[in-house]
N, C-alpha and C. Protein backbone atom coordinates (compact mmCIF):
# COMPACT_ATOMS: atom_id res chain seq x y z
N MET A 1 -68.14 74.98 -38.05
CA MET A 1 -66.84 74.32 -38.30
C MET A 1 -66.75 73.17 -37.12
N SER A 2 -66.40 71.98 -37.52
CA SER A 2 -66.20 70.93 -36.49
C SER A 2 -64.74 70.43 -36.64
N GLY A 3 -64.61 69.61 -35.69
CA GLY A 3 -63.11 68.90 -35.74
C GLY A 3 -62.51 69.35 -34.61
N ILE A 4 -61.11 68.77 -34.56
CA ILE A 4 -60.33 69.14 -33.38
C ILE A 4 -59.32 70.30 -33.87
N GLY A 5 -59.28 71.34 -33.02
CA GLY A 5 -58.42 72.39 -33.26
C GLY A 5 -57.20 72.25 -32.46
N LEU A 6 -56.28 73.15 -32.62
CA LEU A 6 -54.96 73.14 -31.94
C LEU A 6 -55.00 73.01 -30.49
N PRO A 7 -55.96 73.91 -29.91
CA PRO A 7 -56.04 73.86 -28.39
C PRO A 7 -56.55 72.57 -27.84
N GLU A 8 -57.50 72.00 -28.58
CA GLU A 8 -58.00 70.68 -28.10
C GLU A 8 -57.01 69.56 -28.30
N LEU A 9 -56.28 69.55 -29.34
CA LEU A 9 -55.13 68.72 -29.57
C LEU A 9 -54.11 68.74 -28.55
N ILE A 10 -53.72 69.96 -28.05
CA ILE A 10 -52.69 70.04 -27.02
C ILE A 10 -53.21 69.54 -25.68
N VAL A 11 -54.52 69.76 -25.45
CA VAL A 11 -55.07 69.15 -24.23
C VAL A 11 -55.15 67.73 -24.21
N ILE A 12 -55.31 67.09 -25.33
CA ILE A 12 -55.44 65.62 -25.46
C ILE A 12 -54.02 65.17 -25.22
N VAL A 13 -52.98 65.77 -25.92
CA VAL A 13 -51.54 65.31 -25.63
C VAL A 13 -51.18 65.46 -24.32
N VAL A 14 -51.41 66.56 -23.64
CA VAL A 14 -51.05 66.66 -22.20
C VAL A 14 -51.71 65.69 -21.33
N ILE A 15 -53.13 65.29 -21.56
CA ILE A 15 -53.73 64.34 -20.74
C ILE A 15 -53.03 62.99 -21.02
N GLY A 16 -52.68 62.65 -22.33
CA GLY A 16 -52.08 61.50 -22.51
C GLY A 16 -50.77 61.23 -21.92
N ILE A 17 -50.07 62.37 -21.83
CA ILE A 17 -48.72 62.31 -21.31
C ILE A 17 -48.87 62.14 -19.70
N LEU A 18 -49.95 62.68 -19.04
CA LEU A 18 -50.19 62.68 -17.72
C LEU A 18 -50.65 61.30 -17.24
N VAL A 19 -51.16 60.53 -18.21
CA VAL A 19 -51.44 59.08 -18.05
C VAL A 19 -50.44 58.23 -18.32
N VAL A 20 -49.71 58.35 -19.26
CA VAL A 20 -48.62 57.37 -19.69
C VAL A 20 -47.41 57.47 -18.73
N VAL A 21 -46.91 58.73 -18.39
CA VAL A 21 -45.74 58.80 -17.65
C VAL A 21 -45.78 58.01 -16.32
N PRO A 22 -46.90 58.28 -15.45
CA PRO A 22 -46.70 57.60 -14.21
C PRO A 22 -46.93 56.00 -14.40
N PHE A 23 -47.63 55.54 -15.43
CA PHE A 23 -47.85 54.17 -15.55
C PHE A 23 -46.54 53.60 -16.16
N TRP A 24 -45.71 54.29 -16.84
CA TRP A 24 -44.41 53.93 -17.22
C TRP A 24 -43.58 53.51 -16.23
N LYS A 25 -43.48 54.48 -15.10
CA LYS A 25 -42.78 54.20 -13.97
C LYS A 25 -43.20 53.00 -13.24
N ILE A 26 -44.64 52.88 -13.05
CA ILE A 26 -45.11 51.71 -12.38
C ILE A 26 -44.65 50.49 -13.02
N PHE A 27 -44.77 50.35 -14.46
CA PHE A 27 -44.60 49.24 -15.06
C PHE A 27 -43.08 48.86 -14.94
N THR A 28 -42.20 49.84 -15.19
CA THR A 28 -40.81 49.58 -15.00
C THR A 28 -40.28 49.13 -13.49
N LYS A 29 -40.92 49.73 -12.61
CA LYS A 29 -40.61 49.31 -11.23
C LYS A 29 -41.14 48.07 -10.94
N ALA A 30 -42.23 47.60 -11.52
CA ALA A 30 -42.71 46.26 -11.38
C ALA A 30 -41.98 45.16 -12.11
N GLY A 31 -41.14 45.57 -12.98
CA GLY A 31 -40.28 44.62 -13.78
C GLY A 31 -40.80 44.40 -15.24
N TYR A 32 -41.79 45.17 -15.55
CA TYR A 32 -42.41 45.02 -16.95
C TYR A 32 -41.85 46.17 -17.84
N SER A 33 -41.86 46.01 -19.12
CA SER A 33 -41.60 47.01 -20.10
C SER A 33 -42.44 48.31 -19.88
N GLY A 34 -41.74 49.47 -19.89
CA GLY A 34 -42.50 50.60 -19.73
C GLY A 34 -43.44 50.90 -20.91
N GLY A 35 -43.15 50.25 -22.02
CA GLY A 35 -44.03 50.38 -23.21
C GLY A 35 -45.47 49.94 -23.06
N TRP A 36 -45.68 49.03 -22.07
CA TRP A 36 -46.95 48.64 -21.79
C TRP A 36 -47.90 49.80 -21.25
N SER A 37 -47.40 50.82 -20.82
CA SER A 37 -47.96 52.02 -20.29
C SER A 37 -48.95 52.76 -21.43
N LEU A 38 -48.39 52.48 -22.70
CA LEU A 38 -49.12 53.04 -23.77
C LEU A 38 -50.63 52.38 -24.11
N LEU A 39 -50.75 51.17 -23.50
CA LEU A 39 -52.03 50.58 -23.57
C LEU A 39 -53.04 51.30 -22.65
N MET A 40 -52.55 52.03 -21.70
CA MET A 40 -53.44 52.68 -20.65
C MET A 40 -54.28 53.82 -21.43
N LEU A 41 -53.88 54.04 -22.76
CA LEU A 41 -54.61 55.01 -23.40
C LEU A 41 -55.83 54.43 -24.05
N ILE A 42 -56.04 53.19 -24.17
CA ILE A 42 -57.05 52.51 -24.74
C ILE A 42 -58.05 52.20 -23.57
N PRO A 43 -59.29 52.74 -23.62
CA PRO A 43 -60.16 52.55 -22.34
C PRO A 43 -60.35 51.20 -21.99
N VAL A 44 -60.98 50.26 -22.59
CA VAL A 44 -61.14 48.91 -22.12
C VAL A 44 -60.01 48.11 -21.78
N ILE A 45 -58.92 48.16 -22.52
CA ILE A 45 -57.75 47.69 -22.34
C ILE A 45 -57.08 48.10 -21.00
N SER A 46 -57.21 49.41 -20.70
CA SER A 46 -56.67 49.87 -19.51
C SER A 46 -57.26 49.36 -18.29
N ILE A 47 -58.53 48.92 -18.15
CA ILE A 47 -59.08 48.43 -16.98
C ILE A 47 -58.51 46.97 -16.99
N VAL A 48 -58.47 46.14 -18.03
CA VAL A 48 -57.92 44.90 -17.96
C VAL A 48 -56.58 44.84 -17.49
N ILE A 49 -55.70 45.84 -17.91
CA ILE A 49 -54.24 45.94 -17.47
C ILE A 49 -54.18 46.16 -16.03
N LEU A 50 -55.05 47.13 -15.48
CA LEU A 50 -55.08 47.51 -14.07
C LEU A 50 -55.47 46.18 -13.26
N PHE A 51 -56.38 45.33 -13.66
CA PHE A 51 -56.71 44.10 -12.96
C PHE A 51 -55.54 43.17 -13.01
N TYR A 52 -54.94 43.11 -14.28
CA TYR A 52 -53.65 42.18 -14.43
C TYR A 52 -52.52 42.69 -13.34
N LEU A 53 -52.21 43.92 -13.38
CA LEU A 53 -51.32 44.46 -12.40
C LEU A 53 -51.62 44.20 -10.94
N ALA A 54 -52.85 44.30 -10.67
CA ALA A 54 -53.18 44.07 -9.38
C ALA A 54 -53.15 42.59 -8.78
N PHE A 55 -53.44 41.64 -9.69
CA PHE A 55 -53.48 40.30 -9.24
C PHE A 55 -52.50 39.35 -9.72
N ALA A 56 -51.70 39.76 -10.72
CA ALA A 56 -50.61 38.95 -11.23
C ALA A 56 -49.36 39.03 -10.48
N GLU A 57 -48.58 37.93 -10.47
CA GLU A 57 -47.22 38.12 -9.82
C GLU A 57 -46.28 38.77 -10.69
N TRP A 58 -45.66 39.84 -10.13
CA TRP A 58 -44.81 40.64 -10.97
C TRP A 58 -43.43 40.13 -11.07
N PRO A 59 -42.80 40.34 -12.29
CA PRO A 59 -41.49 39.76 -12.40
C PRO A 59 -40.61 40.09 -11.35
N ILE A 60 -40.63 41.24 -10.69
CA ILE A 60 -39.73 41.53 -9.70
C ILE A 60 -39.96 40.67 -8.43
N GLN A 61 -41.19 40.23 -8.19
CA GLN A 61 -41.51 39.38 -7.11
C GLN A 61 -41.01 37.92 -7.34
N ARG A 62 -41.03 37.50 -8.73
CA ARG A 62 -40.54 36.18 -9.05
C ARG A 62 -38.98 36.20 -8.78
N GLU A 63 -38.37 37.32 -9.19
CA GLU A 63 -36.83 37.37 -8.92
C GLU A 63 -36.50 37.42 -7.51
N LEU A 64 -37.38 38.01 -6.64
CA LEU A 64 -37.04 38.04 -5.19
C LEU A 64 -37.24 36.65 -4.61
N LYS A 65 -38.37 35.86 -5.04
CA LYS A 65 -38.36 34.37 -4.71
C LYS A 65 -37.25 33.59 -4.98
N LYS A 66 -36.71 33.83 -6.26
CA LYS A 66 -35.56 33.09 -6.58
C LYS A 66 -34.34 33.37 -5.76
N LEU A 67 -34.16 34.70 -5.38
CA LEU A 67 -33.07 35.08 -4.56
C LEU A 67 -33.18 34.50 -3.11
N LYS A 68 -34.37 34.49 -2.67
CA LYS A 68 -34.63 34.01 -1.29
C LYS A 68 -34.27 32.50 -1.11
N LYS A 69 -34.49 31.71 -2.26
CA LYS A 69 -34.22 30.23 -2.36
C LYS A 69 -32.69 29.92 -2.40
N ILE A 70 -32.01 30.91 -2.80
CA ILE A 70 -30.51 30.59 -2.94
C ILE A 70 -29.79 30.72 -1.48
């Protein structure tokens, strides 16, 4: 018998939650929508998103720059 059983499905869901929840917090604290964290479940896209987060100017940083100019 092959396929995914209930125990495997539970493990996959738990791992998915353990990946999405911290990235949801990171995205919202950075000023992005938390929904972007769902992209972290897609292997190649997650690497691209990590590089984007590392090197792009975050919306919160742009907001701080605006406030400092005032």
